[in-house]
Amino acid sequence: ACLVRVPTEVVKQRLQAGQHSSLTAVLRQTHSAE
């Protein structure tokens, strides 16, 4: 299950913690940086 759950958990928690302003922003910046 974690093969599916972890990517969504990373995106979700970074949005919850206010690190990014939108879903597209966290997807783009996470992929760009890491």
All heavy atoms as atom14 arrays in JSON, in Angstrom:
{
  "sequence": "ACLVRVPTEVVKQRLQAGQHSSLTAVLRQTHSAE",
  "atom14_mask": [
    [1, 1, 1, 1, 1, 0, 0, 0, 0, 0, 0, 0, 0, 0],
    [1, 1, 1, 1, 1, 1, 0, 0, 0, 0, 0, 0, 0, 0],
    [1, 1, 1, 1, 1, 1, 1, 1, 0, 0, 0, 0, 0, 0],
    [1, 1, 1, 1, 1, 1, 1, 0, 0, 0, 0, 0, 0, 0],
    [1, 1, 1, 1, 1, 1, 1, 1, 1, 1, 1, 0, 0, 0],
    [1, 1, 1, 1, 1, 1, 1, 0, 0, 0, 0, 0, 0, 0],
    [1, 1, 1, 1, 1, 1, 1, 0, 0, 0, 0, 0, 0, 0],
    [1, 1, 1, 1, 1, 1, 1, 0, 0, 0, 0, 0, 0, 0],
    [1, 1, 1, 1, 1, 1, 1, 1, 1, 0, 0, 0, 0, 0],
    [1, 1, 1, 1, 1, 1, 1, 0, 0, 0, 0, 0, 0, 0],
    [1, 1, 1, 1, 1, 1, 1, 0, 0, 0, 0, 0, 0, 0],
    [1, 1, 1, 1, 1, 1, 1, 1, 1, 0, 0, 0, 0, 0],
    [1, 1, 1, 1, 1, 1, 1, 1, 1, 0, 0, 0, 0, 0],
    [1, 1, 1, 1, 1, 1, 1, 1, 1, 1, 1, 0, 0, 0],
    [1, 1, 1, 1, 1, 1, 1, 1, 0, 0, 0, 0, 0, 0],
    [1, 1, 1, 1, 1, 1, 1, 1, 1, 0, 0, 0, 0, 0],
    [1, 1, 1, 1, 1, 0, 0, 0, 0, 0, 0, 0, 0, 0],
    [1, 1, 1, 1, 0, 0, 0, 0, 0, 0, 0, 0, 0, 0],
    [1, 1, 1, 1, 1, 1, 1, 1, 1, 0, 0, 0, 0, 0],
    [1, 1, 1, 1, 1, 1, 1, 1, 1, 1, 0, 0, 0, 0],
    [1, 1, 1, 1, 1, 1, 0, 0, 0, 0, 0, 0, 0, 0],
    [1, 1, 1, 1, 1, 1, 0, 0, 0, 0, 0, 0, 0, 0],
    [1, 1, 1, 1, 1, 1, 1, 1, 0, 0, 0, 0, 0, 0],
    [1, 1, 1, 1, 1, 1, 1, 0, 0, 0, 0, 0, 0, 0],
    [1, 1, 1, 1, 1, 0, 0, 0, 0, 0, 0, 0, 0, 0],
    [1, 1, 1, 1, 1, 1, 1, 0, 0, 0, 0, 0, 0, 0],
    [1, 1, 1, 1, 1, 1, 1, 1, 0, 0, 0, 0, 0, 0],
    [1, 1, 1, 1, 1, 1, 1, 1, 1, 1, 1, 0, 0, 0],
    [1, 1, 1, 1, 1, 1, 1, 1, 1, 0, 0, 0, 0, 0],
    [1, 1, 1, 1, 1, 1, 1, 0, 0, 0, 0, 0, 0, 0],
    [1, 1, 1, 1, 1, 1, 1, 1, 1, 1, 0, 0, 0, 0],
    [1, 1, 1, 1, 1, 1, 0, 0, 0, 0, 0, 0, 0, 0],
    [1, 1, 1, 1, 1, 0, 0, 0, 0, 0, 0, 0, 0, 0],
    [1, 1, 1, 1, 1, 1, 1, 1, 1, 0, 0, 0, 0, 0]
  ],
  "atom14_positions": [
    [[0.82, -1.21, 0.0], [0.0, 0.0, 0.0], [0.85, 1.26, 0.0], [0.47, 2.28, -0.6], [-0.93, 0.0, 1.21], [0.0, 0.0, 0.0], [0.0, 0.0, 0.0], [0.0, 0.0, 0.0], [0.0, 0.0, 0.0], [0.0, 0.0, 0.0], [0.0, 0.0, 0.0], [0.0, 0.0, 0.0], [0.0, 0.0, 0.0], [0.0, 0.0, 0.0]],
    [[2.0, 1.22, 0.66], [2.86, 2.4, 0.74], [3.43, 2.81, -0.61], [3.83, 3.97, -0.8], [3.98, 2.18, 1.75], [3.44, 2.35, 3.47], [0.0, 0.0, 0.0], [0.0, 0.0, 0.0], [0.0, 0.0, 0.0], [0.0, 0.0, 0.0], [0.0, 0.0, 0.0], [0.0, 0.0, 0.0], [0.0, 0.0, 0.0], [0.0, 0.0, 0.0]],
    [[3.5, 1.88, -1.55], [3.95, 2.24, -2.89], [3.02, 3.27, -3.52], [3.44, 4.1, -4.32], [4.01, 0.98, -3.77], [5.09, -0.04, -3.41], [4.91, -1.31, -4.23], [6.48, 0.54, -3.61], [0.0, 0.0, 0.0], [0.0, 0.0, 0.0], [0.0, 0.0, 0.0], [0.0, 0.0, 0.0], [0.0, 0.0, 0.0], [0.0, 0.0, 0.0]],
    [[1.75, 3.2, -3.15], [0.76, 4.17, -3.64], [0.59, 5.32, -2.66], [0.47, 6.49, -3.04], [-0.6, 3.47, -3.85], [-1.65, 4.47, -4.3], [-0.47, 2.34, -4.85], [0.0, 0.0, 0.0], [0.0, 0.0, 0.0], [0.0, 0.0, 0.0], [0.0, 0.0, 0.0], [0.0, 0.0, 0.0], [0.0, 0.0, 0.0], [0.0, 0.0, 0.0]],
    [[0.64, 5.01, -1.37], [0.29, 5.99, -0.34], [1.35, 7.05, -0.1], [1.02, 8.22, 0.14], [0.03, 5.23, 0.98], [-0.53, 6.09, 2.09], [-0.71, 5.26, 3.34], [-1.62, 4.15, 3.14], [-1.52, 2.97, 3.76], [-0.53, 2.77, 4.61], [-2.41, 2.03, 3.52], [0.0, 0.0, 0.0], [0.0, 0.0, 0.0], [0.0, 0.0, 0.0]],
    [[2.63, 6.68, -0.18], [3.69, 7.62, 0.19], [3.75, 8.87, -0.7], [3.84, 9.99, -0.18], [5.06, 6.91, 0.25], [6.21, 7.91, 0.33], [5.12, 5.97, 1.45], [0.0, 0.0, 0.0], [0.0, 0.0, 0.0], [0.0, 0.0, 0.0], [0.0, 0.0, 0.0], [0.0, 0.0, 0.0], [0.0, 0.0, 0.0], [0.0, 0.0, 0.0]],
    [[3.69, 8.74, -2.03], [3.72, 9.97, -2.85], [2.59, 10.93, -2.5], [2.81, 12.15, -2.42], [3.59, 9.44, -4.28], [4.13, 8.05, -4.23], [3.71, 7.53, -2.88], [0.0, 0.0, 0.0], [0.0, 0.0, 0.0], [0.0, 0.0, 0.0], [0.0, 0.0, 0.0], [0.0, 0.0, 0.0], [0.0, 0.0, 0.0], [0.0, 0.0, 0.0]],
    [[1.39, 10.42, -2.3], [0.28, 11.29, -1.95], [0.45, 11.86, -0.54], [0.03, 12.98, -0.26], [-1.06, 10.55, -2.05], [-1.06, 9.43, -1.17], [-1.3, 10.06, -3.47], [0.0, 0.0, 0.0], [0.0, 0.0, 0.0], [0.0, 0.0, 0.0], [0.0, 0.0, 0.0], [0.0, 0.0, 0.0], [0.0, 0.0, 0.0], [0.0, 0.0, 0.0]],
    [[1.06, 11.08, 0.35], [1.3, 11.56, 1.71], [2.31, 12.69, 1.73], [2.16, 13.67, 2.47], [1.8, 10.39, 2.58], [1.86, 10.68, 4.06], [0.51, 10.59, 4.75], [-0.5, 10.31, 4.08], [0.48, 10.81, 5.97], [0.0, 0.0, 0.0], [0.0, 0.0, 0.0], [0.0, 0.0, 0.0], [0.0, 0.0, 0.0], [0.0, 0.0, 0.0]],
    [[3.36, 12.59, 0.91], [4.37, 13.65, 0.81], [3.71, 14.95, 0.33], [3.9, 16.01, 0.92], [5.5, 13.24, -0.15], [6.41, 14.43, -0.47], [6.34, 12.11, 0.45], [0.0, 0.0, 0.0], [0.0, 0.0, 0.0], [0.0, 0.0, 0.0], [0.0, 0.0, 0.0], [0.0, 0.0, 0.0], [0.0, 0.0, 0.0], [0.0, 0.0, 0.0]],
    [[2.95, 14.85, -0.74], [2.27, 16.02, -1.3], [1.29, 16.6, -0.27], [1.26, 17.81, -0.02], [1.53, 15.66, -2.6], [0.66, 16.82, -3.06], [2.53, 15.28, -3.68], [0.0, 0.0, 0.0], [0.0, 0.0, 0.0], [0.0, 0.0, 0.0], [0.0, 0.0, 0.0], [0.0, 0.0, 0.0], [0.0, 0.0, 0.0], [0.0, 0.0, 0.0]],
    [[0.5, 15.74, 0.33], [-0.51, 16.17, 1.3], [0.1, 16.89, 2.48], [-0.35, 17.98, 2.87], [-1.29, 14.95, 1.79], [-2.38, 15.27, 2.79], [-2.88, 14.01, 3.48], [-1.85, 13.51, 4.49], [-2.36, 12.38, 5.3], [0.0, 0.0, 0.0], [0.0, 0.0, 0.0], [0.0, 0.0, 0.0], [0.0, 0.0, 0.0], [0.0, 0.0, 0.0]],
    [[1.16, 16.33, 3.06], [1.73, 16.93, 4.27], [2.44, 18.24, 3.98], [2.45, 19.14, 4.82], [2.66, 15.93, 4.95], [1.92, 14.75, 5.55], [2.71, 14.03, 6.62], [3.93, 13.96, 6.58], [2.01, 13.49, 7.6], [0.0, 0.0, 0.0], [0.0, 0.0, 0.0], [0.0, 0.0, 0.0], [0.0, 0.0, 0.0], [0.0, 0.0, 0.0]],
    [[3.04, 18.37, 2.81], [3.68, 19.64, 2.47], [2.65, 20.74, 2.25], [2.91, 21.91, 2.53], [4.59, 19.45, 1.26], [5.81, 18.6, 1.6], [6.79, 18.42, 0.47], [7.91, 17.58, 0.91], [8.99, 17.32, 0.19], [9.09, 17.79, -1.04], [9.95, 16.56, 0.67], [0.0, 0.0, 0.0], [0.0, 0.0, 0.0], [0.0, 0.0, 0.0]],
    [[1.48, 20.37, 1.75], [0.39, 21.34, 1.64], [-0.18, 21.67, 3.01], [-0.47, 22.82, 3.32], [-0.7, 20.79, 0.73], [-0.41, 20.8, -0.78], [-1.45, 19.98, -1.53], [-0.37, 22.22, -1.32], [0.0, 0.0, 0.0], [0.0, 0.0, 0.0], [0.0, 0.0, 0.0], [0.0, 0.0, 0.0], [0.0, 0.0, 0.0], [0.0, 0.0, 0.0]],
    [[-0.33, 20.65, 3.86], [-0.87, 20.88, 5.2], [0.02, 21.78, 6.03], [-0.46, 22.58, 6.84], [-1.05, 19.53, 5.92], [-2.2, 18.69, 5.4], [-2.25, 17.34, 6.08], [-1.22, 16.76, 6.44], [-3.45, 16.81, 6.26], [0.0, 0.0, 0.0], [0.0, 0.0, 0.0], [0.0, 0.0, 0.0], [0.0, 0.0, 0.0], [0.0, 0.0, 0.0]],
    [[1.33, 21.64, 5.86], [2.28, 22.42, 6.65], [2.53, 23.81, 6.06], [3.33, 24.58, 6.6], [3.61, 21.67, 6.77], [0.0, 0.0, 0.0], [0.0, 0.0, 0.0], [0.0, 0.0, 0.0], [0.0, 0.0, 0.0], [0.0, 0.0, 0.0], [0.0, 0.0, 0.0], [0.0, 0.0, 0.0], [0.0, 0.0, 0.0], [0.0, 0.0, 0.0]],
    [[1.87, 24.13, 4.95], [1.98, 25.45, 4.36], [3.27, 25.69, 3.61], [3.65, 26.84, 3.36], [0.0, 0.0, 0.0], [0.0, 0.0, 0.0], [0.0, 0.0, 0.0], [0.0, 0.0, 0.0], [0.0, 0.0, 0.0], [0.0, 0.0, 0.0], [0.0, 0.0, 0.0], [0.0, 0.0, 0.0], [0.0, 0.0, 0.0], [0.0, 0.0, 0.0]],
    [[3.96, 24.62, 3.19], [5.21, 24.79, 2.45], [4.96, 25.21, 1.0], [5.83, 25.78, 0.36], [6.03, 23.5, 2.48], [6.58, 23.15, 3.85], [7.48, 21.93, 3.82], [7.66, 21.29, 2.78], [8.05, 21.59, 4.96], [0.0, 0.0, 0.0], [0.0, 0.0, 0.0], [0.0, 0.0, 0.0], [0.0, 0.0, 0.0], [0.0, 0.0, 0.0]],
    [[3.78, 24.89, 0.48], [3.42, 25.25, -0.89], [1.98, 25.74, -0.91], [1.17, 25.38, -0.05], [3.59, 24.05, -1.82], [4.99, 23.48, -1.82], [6.01, 24.02, -2.55], [5.51, 22.42, -1.15], [7.12, 23.32, -2.35], [6.85, 22.34, -1.5], [0.0, 0.0, 0.0], [0.0, 0.0, 0.0], [0.0, 0.0, 0.0], [0.0, 0.0, 0.0]],
    [[1.65, 26.52, -1.93], [0.34, 27.15, -1.99], [-0.72, 26.35, -2.72], [-1.91, 26.6, -2.55], [0.46, 28.53, -2.64], [1.0, 28.41, -3.96], [0.0, 0.0, 0.0], [0.0, 0.0, 0.0], [0.0, 0.0, 0.0], [0.0, 0.0, 0.0], [0.0, 0.0, 0.0], [0.0, 0.0, 0.0], [0.0, 0.0, 0.0], [0.0, 0.0, 0.0]],
    [[-0.3, 25.41, -3.56], [-1.27, 24.66, -4.36], [-0.72, 23.28, -4.7], [0.48, 23.03, -4.56], [-1.61, 25.41, -5.65], [-0.48, 25.44, -6.51], [0.0, 0.0, 0.0], [0.0, 0.0, 0.0], [0.0, 0.0, 0.0], [0.0, 0.0, 0.0], [0.0, 0.0, 0.0], [0.0, 0.0, 0.0], [0.0, 0.0, 0.0], [0.0, 0.0, 0.0]],
    [[-1.61, 22.4, -5.17], [-1.21, 21.06, -5.56], [-0.21, 21.09, -6.7], [0.8, 20.38, -6.67], [-2.45, 20.24, -5.95], [-2.2, 18.81, -6.46], [-1.5, 17.97, -5.41], [-3.53, 18.17, -6.87], [0.0, 0.0, 0.0], [0.0, 0.0, 0.0], [0.0, 0.0, 0.0], [0.0, 0.0, 0.0], [0.0, 0.0, 0.0], [0.0, 0.0, 0.0]],
    [[-0.46, 21.93, -7.71], [0.46, 21.99, -8.84], [1.82, 22.53, -8.42], [2.86, 22.1, -8.93], [-0.12, 22.88, -9.96], [-0.46, 24.17, -9.42], [-1.36, 22.25, -10.56], [0.0, 0.0, 0.0], [0.0, 0.0, 0.0], [0.0, 0.0, 0.0], [0.0, 0.0, 0.0], [0.0, 0.0, 0.0], [0.0, 0.0, 0.0], [0.0, 0.0, 0.0]],
    [[1.83, 23.46, -7.45], [3.09, 24.03, -6.98], [3.94, 22.99, -6.27], [5.15, 22.89, -6.5], [2.82, 25.21, -6.06], [0.0, 0.0, 0.0], [0.0, 0.0, 0.0], [0.0, 0.0, 0.0], [0.0, 0.0, 0.0], [0.0, 0.0, 0.0], [0.0, 0.0, 0.0], [0.0, 0.0, 0.0], [0.0, 0.0, 0.0], [0.0, 0.0, 0.0]],
    [[3.33, 22.19, -5.4], [4.11, 21.19, -4.68], [4.59, 20.1, -5.62], [5.72, 19.6, -5.48], [3.3, 20.6, -3.49], [2.15, 19.74, -3.96], [4.21, 19.78, -2.58], [0.0, 0.0, 0.0], [0.0, 0.0, 0.0], [0.0, 0.0, 0.0], [0.0, 0.0, 0.0], [0.0, 0.0, 0.0], [0.0, 0.0, 0.0], [0.0, 0.0, 0.0]],
    [[3.79, 19.73, -6.61], [4.22, 18.73, -7.58], [5.41, 19.24, -8.39], [6.41, 18.53, -8.57], [3.06, 18.38, -8.52], [1.9, 17.58, -7.93], [0.76, 17.47, -8.94], [2.35, 16.19, -7.5], [0.0, 0.0, 0.0], [0.0, 0.0, 0.0], [0.0, 0.0, 0.0], [0.0, 0.0, 0.0], [0.0, 0.0, 0.0], [0.0, 0.0, 0.0]],
    [[5.3, 20.46, -8.87], [6.35, 21.03, -9.7], [7.64, 21.25, -8.9], [8.74, 20.87, -9.35], [5.87, 22.36, -10.29], [6.87, 23.0, -11.24], [6.29, 24.25, -11.91], [5.91, 25.27, -10.92], [4.67, 25.56, -10.6], [3.66, 24.92, -11.16], [4.4, 26.51, -9.7], [0.0, 0.0, 0.0], [0.0, 0.0, 0.0], [0.0, 0.0, 0.0]],
    [[7.53, 21.82, -7.71], [8.73, 22.15, -6.95], [9.4, 20.91, -6.36], [10.63, 20.85, -6.27], [8.37, 23.16, -5.86], [7.97, 24.53, -6.43], [7.59, 25.52, -5.34], [8.14, 25.5, -4.25], [6.63, 26.39, -5.64], [0.0, 0.0, 0.0], [0.0, 0.0, 0.0], [0.0, 0.0, 0.0], [0.0, 0.0, 0.0], [0.0, 0.0, 0.0]],
    [[8.6, 19.93, -5.95], [9.19, 18.69, -5.43], [9.95, 17.97, -6.53], [11.08, 17.49, -6.33], [8.1, 17.77, -4.85], [7.45, 18.44, -3.77], [8.71, 16.46, -4.33], [0.0, 0.0, 0.0], [0.0, 0.0, 0.0], [0.0, 0.0, 0.0], [0.0, 0.0, 0.0], [0.0, 0.0, 0.0], [0.0, 0.0, 0.0], [0.0, 0.0, 0.0]],
    [[9.36, 17.88, -7.72], [10.02, 17.22, -8.83], [11.26, 17.97, -9.27], [12.3, 17.38, -9.58], [9.05, 17.08, -10.01], [9.63, 16.33, -11.18], [10.29, 16.96, -12.22], [9.69, 14.99, -11.44], [10.71, 16.06, -13.08], [10.35, 14.86, -12.64], [0.0, 0.0, 0.0], [0.0, 0.0, 0.0], [0.0, 0.0, 0.0], [0.0, 0.0, 0.0]],
    [[11.18, 19.31, -9.26], [12.32, 20.13, -9.67], [13.49, 20.0, -8.7], [14.65, 19.9, -9.12], [11.89, 21.59, -9.77], [12.99, 22.43, -10.05], [0.0, 0.0, 0.0], [0.0, 0.0, 0.0], [0.0, 0.0, 0.0], [0.0, 0.0, 0.0], [0.0, 0.0, 0.0], [0.0, 0.0, 0.0], [0.0, 0.0, 0.0], [0.0, 0.0, 0.0]],
    [[13.21, 20.0, -7.41], [14.27, 19.98, -6.4], [14.79, 18.58, -6.1], [15.98, 18.4, -5.8], [13.76, 20.62, -5.11], [0.0, 0.0, 0.0], [0.0, 0.0, 0.0], [0.0, 0.0, 0.0], [0.0, 0.0, 0.0], [0.0, 0.0, 0.0], [0.0, 0.0, 0.0], [0.0, 0.0, 0.0], [0.0, 0.0, 0.0], [0.0, 0.0, 0.0]],
    [[13.93, 17.56, -6.18], [14.33, 16.23, -5.72], [14.09, 15.12, -6.73], [14.47, 13.96, -6.48], [13.56, 15.89, -4.43], [13.75, 16.92, -3.32], [12.88, 16.64, -2.12], [13.1, 15.61, -1.46], [11.97, 17.44, -1.85], [0.0, 0.0, 0.0], [0.0, 0.0, 0.0], [0.0, 0.0, 0.0], [0.0, 0.0, 0.0], [0.0, 0.0, 0.0]]
  ]
}
